[in-house]
């Protein structure tokens, strides 16, 4: 009786070792974390590009407002941009200059501000993204 139980157990263990069922599960355990990390990284880069686009749009709006006289000083341009970049900290740099009738506005925002909650790329924390907008001052 005991020998038949041992033989059946040995046969089951042997067939289990030879079986290739479940190999895909093991491979998935190895690869899924890499794909998940890749998706998080792509999401963070999407946030950064969105933030750059938002900063560019604000720089263009502020430059246009300064050009037509809605904003009258460089300080008002800086305040306009900083107040509308409500997701960014106080580290936003805004400079606006008028040279030969050409208004140039430069906005610098830390890239880490755009990263969202993901924080996959820690190198983005120390980088700054600068955008520039130019327009001829209207009379």
Protein backbone atom coordinates (compact mmCIF):
# COMPACT_ATOMS: atom_id res chain seq x y z
CA UNK A 1 0.00 0.00 0.00
CA UNK A 2 2.74 2.44 0.95
CA UNK A 3 4.75 1.57 -2.11
CA UNK A 4 1.83 2.39 -4.41
CA UNK A 5 1.38 5.81 -2.72
CA UNK A 6 5.10 6.50 -3.03
CA UNK A 7 5.09 5.43 -6.67
CA UNK A 8 2.11 7.67 -7.44
CA UNK A 9 3.74 10.62 -5.65
CA UNK A 10 7.00 10.03 -7.50
CA UNK A 11 5.14 9.87 -10.81
CA UNK A 12 3.28 13.12 -10.08
CA UNK A 13 6.46 14.94 -9.07
CA UNK A 14 8.19 13.69 -12.22
CA UNK A 15 5.36 14.86 -14.46
CA UNK A 16 5.29 18.21 -12.63
CA UNK A 17 9.01 18.74 -13.28
CA UNK A 18 8.66 17.87 -16.96
CA UNK A 19 5.58 20.05 -17.46
CA UNK A 20 6.07 23.44 -19.10
CA UNK A 21 2.72 24.85 -18.03
CA UNK A 22 3.12 28.12 -16.14
CA UNK A 23 6.26 29.30 -17.94
CA UNK A 24 4.44 32.37 -19.22
CA UNK A 25 3.53 33.32 -15.66
CA UNK A 26 7.15 33.22 -14.57
CA UNK A 27 8.23 35.32 -17.54
CA UNK A 28 5.47 37.82 -16.81
CA UNK A 29 6.68 38.16 -13.23
CA UNK A 30 10.06 39.22 -14.60
CA UNK A 31 8.84 41.54 -17.39
CA UNK A 32 5.77 43.29 -15.94
CA UNK A 33 7.78 45.52 -13.55
CA UNK A 34 9.88 46.79 -16.47
CA UNK A 35 6.79 47.60 -18.52
CA UNK A 36 5.19 49.29 -15.52
CA UNK A 37 8.31 51.42 -14.97
CA UNK A 38 8.34 52.32 -18.68
CA UNK A 39 4.72 53.44 -18.52
CA UNK A 40 5.41 55.59 -15.45
CA UNK A 41 8.42 57.16 -17.16
CA UNK A 42 6.38 57.91 -20.29
CA UNK A 43 3.67 59.45 -18.12
CA UNK A 44 6.17 61.69 -16.36
CA UNK A 45 7.64 62.86 -19.66
CA UNK A 46 4.10 63.60 -20.86
CA UNK A 47 3.57 65.78 -17.77
CA UNK A 48 6.82 67.63 -18.49
CA UNK A 49 5.90 68.30 -22.11
CA UNK A 50 2.43 69.46 -21.05
CA UNK A 51 3.98 71.83 -18.51
CA UNK A 52 6.36 73.19 -21.13
CA UNK A 53 3.42 73.79 -23.45
CA UNK A 54 1.49 75.57 -20.69
CA UNK A 55 4.49 77.79 -19.88
CA UNK A 56 4.95 78.59 -23.59
CA UNK A 57 1.29 79.53 -23.93
CA UNK A 58 1.46 81.80 -20.89
CA UNK A 59 4.62 83.47 -22.17
CA UNK A 60 2.88 84.15 -25.48
CA UNK A 61 -0.25 85.49 -23.76
CA UNK A 62 1.76 87.79 -21.51
CA UNK A 63 3.88 89.05 -24.40
CA UNK A 64 0.77 89.75 -26.45
CA UNK A 65 -0.88 91.59 -23.54
CA UNK A 66 2.27 93.69 -23.09
CA UNK A 67 2.38 94.35 -26.82
CA UNK A 68 -1.15 95.77 -27.01
CA UNK A 69 -0.90 97.73 -23.76
CA UNK A 70 -2.96 95.56 -21.39
CA UNK A 71 0.18 95.12 -19.31
CA UNK A 72 2.37 98.20 -19.01
CA UNK A 73 5.52 97.09 -17.19
CA UNK A 74 7.86 94.12 -17.09
CA UNK A 75 6.82 93.54 -13.47
CA UNK A 76 3.19 93.16 -14.55
CA UNK A 77 4.27 90.61 -17.17
CA UNK A 78 6.14 88.61 -14.51
CA UNK A 79 3.18 88.78 -12.15
CA UNK A 80 0.78 87.73 -14.93
CA UNK A 81 2.80 84.62 -15.72
CA UNK A 82 3.52 83.64 -12.10
CA UNK A 83 -0.12 83.99 -11.06
CA UNK A 84 -1.30 81.76 -13.88
CA UNK A 85 1.34 79.07 -13.39
CA UNK A 86 -0.53 78.04 -10.25
CA UNK A 87 0.93 74.52 -10.23
CA UNK A 88 4.51 75.82 -9.97
CA UNK A 89 6.39 77.07 -6.93
CA UNK A 90 8.00 80.42 -6.37
CA UNK A 91 11.08 79.28 -8.31
CA UNK A 92 9.54 80.45 -11.59
CA UNK A 93 11.81 82.92 -13.39
CA UNK A 94 10.21 85.49 -15.68
CA UNK A 95 12.04 88.22 -17.55
CA UNK A 96 10.60 90.50 -20.16
CA UNK A 97 12.59 93.03 -22.17
CA UNK A 98 11.88 95.47 -24.97
CA UNK A 99 14.68 95.95 -27.49
CA UNK A 100 14.13 97.99 -30.66
CA UNK A 101 10.36 97.49 -30.44
CA UNK A 102 10.64 93.71 -29.97
CA UNK A 103 9.26 92.31 -26.73
CA UNK A 104 10.99 89.16 -25.51
CA UNK A 105 9.63 87.19 -22.58
CA UNK A 106 11.57 84.28 -21.09
CA UNK A 107 9.95 81.94 -18.57
CA UNK A 108 11.99 79.39 -16.62
CA UNK A 109 10.29 76.69 -14.55
CA UNK A 110 11.90 73.78 -12.70
CA UNK A 111 11.18 70.60 -14.65
CA UNK A 112 10.43 68.80 -11.40
CA UNK A 113 7.32 70.95 -11.07
CA UNK A 114 5.88 69.31 -14.16
CA UNK A 115 6.70 65.74 -13.18
CA UNK A 116 3.44 65.17 -11.37
CA UNK A 117 3.22 62.52 -8.69
CA UNK A 118 5.32 59.98 -10.59
CA UNK A 119 8.90 61.18 -9.90
CA UNK A 120 10.48 58.44 -11.99
CA UNK A 121 13.26 60.60 -13.42
CA UNK A 122 14.98 62.21 -10.46
CA UNK A 123 17.34 64.08 -12.82
CA UNK A 124 14.40 66.31 -13.78
CA UNK A 125 14.28 67.80 -10.30
CA UNK A 126 17.41 69.90 -10.89
CA UNK A 127 16.68 70.88 -14.51
CA UNK A 128 14.92 74.05 -15.59
CA UNK A 129 12.80 74.38 -18.68
CA UNK A 130 13.00 77.74 -20.42
CA UNK A 131 10.52 78.97 -23.01
CA UNK A 132 10.72 82.21 -25.00
CA UNK A 133 8.06 84.30 -26.67
CA UNK A 134 8.70 87.31 -28.90
CA UNK A 135 6.38 89.86 -30.41
CA UNK A 136 6.65 93.30 -31.99
CA UNK A 137 5.33 96.06 -29.74
CA UNK A 138 2.27 97.61 -31.28
CA UNK A 139 1.87 101.34 -31.28
